[in-house]
Protein backbone atom coordinates (compact mmCIF):
# COMPACT_ATOMS: atom_id res chain seq x y z
CA MET A 1 0.00 0.00 0.00
CA PRO A 2 1.55 3.36 -1.03
CA LYS A 3 2.24 5.96 1.64
CA LYS A 4 -0.28 8.78 1.88
CA THR A 5 1.09 12.00 0.43
CA ASN A 6 0.79 15.14 2.53
CA HIS A 7 1.29 18.77 1.59
CA LEU A 8 3.29 21.65 3.03
CA ILE A 9 3.36 25.23 1.83
CA MET A 10 6.62 27.05 2.57
CA SER A 11 7.12 30.77 2.30
CA ALA A 12 10.57 32.33 2.47
CA LEU A 13 11.52 36.00 2.58
CA GLY A 14 14.87 37.74 3.01
CA LYS A 15 17.80 39.47 1.36
CA ASP A 16 18.65 37.95 -2.01
CA ASN A 17 21.89 35.99 -2.29
CA PRO A 18 23.16 33.46 -4.83
CA GLY A 19 22.38 29.86 -3.88
CA ILE A 20 19.13 30.31 -1.95
CA ILE A 21 17.12 28.15 -4.33
CA ASP A 22 19.89 25.54 -4.36
CA HIS A 23 19.86 25.30 -0.54
CA LEU A 24 16.06 25.19 -0.25
CA SER A 25 15.60 22.62 -3.03
CA ARG A 26 18.45 20.46 -1.65
CA ALA A 27 16.83 20.39 1.81
CA ILE A 28 13.52 19.32 0.24
CA TYR A 29 15.24 16.65 -1.89
CA GLU A 30 17.34 15.29 0.99
CA CYS A 31 14.18 14.89 3.08
CA GLU A 32 12.75 12.76 0.25
CA CYS A 33 10.00 15.26 -0.51
CA SER A 34 9.18 16.84 -3.84
CA ILE A 35 8.39 20.33 -5.04
CA GLN A 36 4.98 20.46 -6.72
CA ASP A 37 4.61 24.17 -7.45
CA THR A 38 6.80 27.22 -6.91
CA ARG A 39 6.70 30.97 -7.26
CA MET A 40 9.98 32.78 -6.64
CA ALA A 41 11.05 36.35 -7.33
CA VAL A 42 13.53 39.01 -6.36
CA LEU A 43 11.87 42.36 -5.70
CA SER A 44 14.01 45.38 -4.74
CA GLY A 45 16.82 43.10 -3.58
CA GLU A 46 14.52 40.92 -1.47
CA PHE A 47 14.05 37.22 -2.25
CA ALA A 48 10.49 35.88 -1.92
CA ALA A 49 9.31 32.33 -2.50
CA LEU A 50 6.20 30.22 -2.12
CA ILE A 51 6.88 26.52 -2.47
CA ALA A 52 4.29 23.72 -2.42
CA VAL A 53 5.98 20.54 -1.19
CA GLU A 54 4.56 17.05 -0.94
CA GLY A 55 5.68 13.87 0.74
CA PRO A 56 4.86 11.43 3.53
CA TRP A 57 4.06 13.17 6.84
CA ASP A 58 7.26 11.95 8.53
CA LYS A 59 9.46 13.31 5.72
CA LEU A 60 7.66 16.67 5.81
CA ALA A 61 8.14 16.76 9.60
CA ARG A 62 11.86 16.11 9.08
CA LEU A 63 11.97 19.03 6.62
CA GLU A 64 10.12 21.31 9.05
CA ASN A 65 12.66 20.44 11.77
CA GLN A 66 15.50 21.58 9.49
CA LEU A 67 13.96 24.97 8.66
CA PRO A 68 15.24 26.91 11.72
CA GLU A 69 18.83 26.05 10.73
CA LEU A 70 18.12 27.01 7.11
CA GLU A 71 16.66 30.32 8.28
CA LYS A 72 19.91 31.14 10.11
CA GLU A 73 22.16 29.87 7.33
CA LEU A 74 20.34 31.75 4.54
CA GLY A 75 19.14 34.81 6.47
CA LEU A 76 15.52 34.09 5.61
CA ALA A 77 12.23 34.13 7.45
CA ILE A 78 10.59 30.80 6.59
CA THR A 79 7.03 29.93 7.53
CA THR A 80 5.02 26.80 6.77
CA ASP A 81 1.42 25.72 6.59
CA ARG A 82 0.10 22.20 6.21
CA GLY A 83 -2.62 22.02 3.63
CA GLU A 84 -4.46 19.99 1.10
CA PRO A 85 -4.02 20.44 -2.64
CA HIS A 86 -6.68 22.65 -4.19
CA GLU A 87 -8.89 20.49 -6.38
CA GLY A 88 -11.56 23.05 -7.35
CA THR A 89 -10.19 24.05 -10.76
CA SER A 90 -11.79 21.45 -13.02
CA ASN A 91 -14.64 23.76 -14.06
CA LEU A 92 -12.36 26.74 -14.69
CA LEU A 93 -11.03 27.84 -18.06
CA PRO A 94 -7.48 29.25 -17.96
CA TYR A 95 -7.26 32.78 -19.39
CA VAL A 96 -4.45 35.33 -19.48
CA VAL A 97 -4.86 39.08 -19.07
CA ASP A 98 -2.11 41.34 -20.42
CA LEU A 99 -2.36 45.07 -19.95
CA VAL A 100 -0.25 48.19 -20.33
CA THR A 101 -1.08 51.72 -19.26
CA LEU A 102 0.40 54.98 -18.12
CA ASP A 103 1.50 54.42 -14.54
CA GLN A 104 -1.39 55.49 -12.31
CA PRO A 105 -2.50 54.69 -8.77
CA GLY A 106 -5.11 51.97 -8.24
CA VAL A 107 -4.72 49.92 -11.42
CA VAL A 108 -4.16 46.61 -9.58
CA HIS A 109 -7.06 47.31 -7.21
CA LYS A 110 -9.50 48.29 -9.94
CA VAL A 111 -8.62 45.38 -12.25
CA SER A 112 -8.71 42.84 -9.39
CA ARG A 113 -12.09 44.24 -8.27
CA PHE A 114 -13.43 43.80 -11.85
CA PHE A 115 -12.65 40.08 -11.66
CA ALA A 116 -13.68 39.62 -8.01
CA GLU A 117 -17.13 41.11 -8.74
CA ARG A 118 -17.57 38.36 -11.35
CA GLU A 119 -16.22 35.64 -9.02
CA ILE A 120 -13.22 35.07 -11.27
CA ASN A 121 -10.15 33.99 -9.33
CA ILE A 122 -6.76 35.55 -10.06
CA GLN A 123 -4.32 32.64 -9.94
CA ASP A 124 -1.08 34.41 -10.80
CA MET A 125 -0.04 38.03 -11.27
CA VAL A 126 3.13 39.85 -12.29
CA THR A 127 3.35 43.64 -12.47
CA SER A 128 6.12 46.04 -13.36
CA SER A 129 6.72 49.75 -13.77
CA TYR A 130 9.13 51.07 -16.38
CA ALA A 131 9.98 54.13 -18.45
CA ALA A 132 8.67 54.14 -22.04
CA ALA A 133 11.31 54.01 -24.74
CA HIS A 134 12.20 57.39 -26.29
CA THR A 135 9.88 59.49 -24.05
CA GLY A 136 10.67 58.19 -20.57
CA THR A 137 6.95 58.27 -19.70
CA PRO A 138 6.19 56.18 -16.58
CA MET A 139 4.39 53.02 -17.70
CA PHE A 140 2.80 50.08 -15.89
CA SER A 141 2.27 46.52 -17.12
CA MET A 142 0.37 43.60 -15.64
CA ARG A 143 0.05 39.96 -16.61
CA MET A 144 -2.47 37.77 -14.80
CA ASN A 145 -3.67 34.23 -15.16
CA VAL A 146 -7.32 33.90 -14.20
CA GLY A 147 -9.71 30.97 -13.86
CA VAL A 148 -12.95 31.75 -15.69
CA PRO A 149 -15.92 29.54 -14.70
CA ALA A 150 -16.80 27.27 -17.63
CA ASP A 151 -20.46 28.31 -17.51
CA MET A 152 -19.60 32.00 -17.95
CA HIS A 153 -20.38 33.57 -21.33
CA ILE A 154 -16.86 34.46 -22.53
CA SER A 155 -17.97 36.89 -25.24
CA SER A 156 -19.95 38.95 -22.70
CA LEU A 157 -17.06 38.87 -20.24
CA ARG A 158 -14.63 40.03 -22.91
CA ASP A 159 -16.98 42.88 -23.95
CA GLU A 160 -17.40 44.00 -20.30
CA PHE A 161 -13.64 43.84 -19.77
CA MET A 162 -12.88 45.84 -22.92
CA ASP A 163 -15.44 48.51 -21.89
CA PHE A 164 -13.86 48.61 -18.42
CA CYS A 165 -10.37 48.99 -19.94
CA ASP A 166 -11.52 51.71 -22.34
CA GLY A 167 -12.96 53.63 -19.39
CA MET A 168 -9.60 53.46 -17.57
CA ASN A 169 -7.46 54.00 -20.70
CA LEU A 170 -5.86 50.56 -20.40
CA ASP A 171 -4.49 48.69 -23.41
CA ALA A 172 -5.42 45.09 -22.59
CA VAL A 173 -6.27 41.64 -23.90
CA LEU A 174 -8.16 38.73 -22.35
CA GLU A 175 -7.49 35.48 -24.15
CA PRO A 176 -7.30 31.74 -23.45
CA ILE A 177 -3.98 30.38 -22.32
CA LYS A 178 -2.49 28.31 -25.10
CA ASN A 179 -0.28 25.36 -24.25
């Protein structure tokens, strides 16, 4: 009979240094656990990671016991949460939202509210600010992956989103994610 697989979500935050991912992934591997999903980034010199790990409960416990030493060694704050994998995505269609606009306050809030009001979950988001080529105008870009309920009328959603974007002067697209 195979061992039951358990889940652990790790978050790590601290000053960025070379080798952090190597150390974290080695600790997970040496505890005979596996990484199922990861989001890692360096923002303003700070390293941030969310790592979904799975393995038998005793191996995850062994990993958790090693984290205080890893925190000291890597200069990170590491927290964990035991959880179950999220299974509620079978009736969701994966869509991507790409948008660019003049940098202005409230864009993330207003766009996220548009989707929340329609009960569309934002599953992943990356934003950045930059200066436009040639003019130096402050610009803002956002890329989001969203889960659109399969019973939602996509054409109506797209029309509502385009009207919303026109009202905010956002250049945006909403399209299915292609594999």
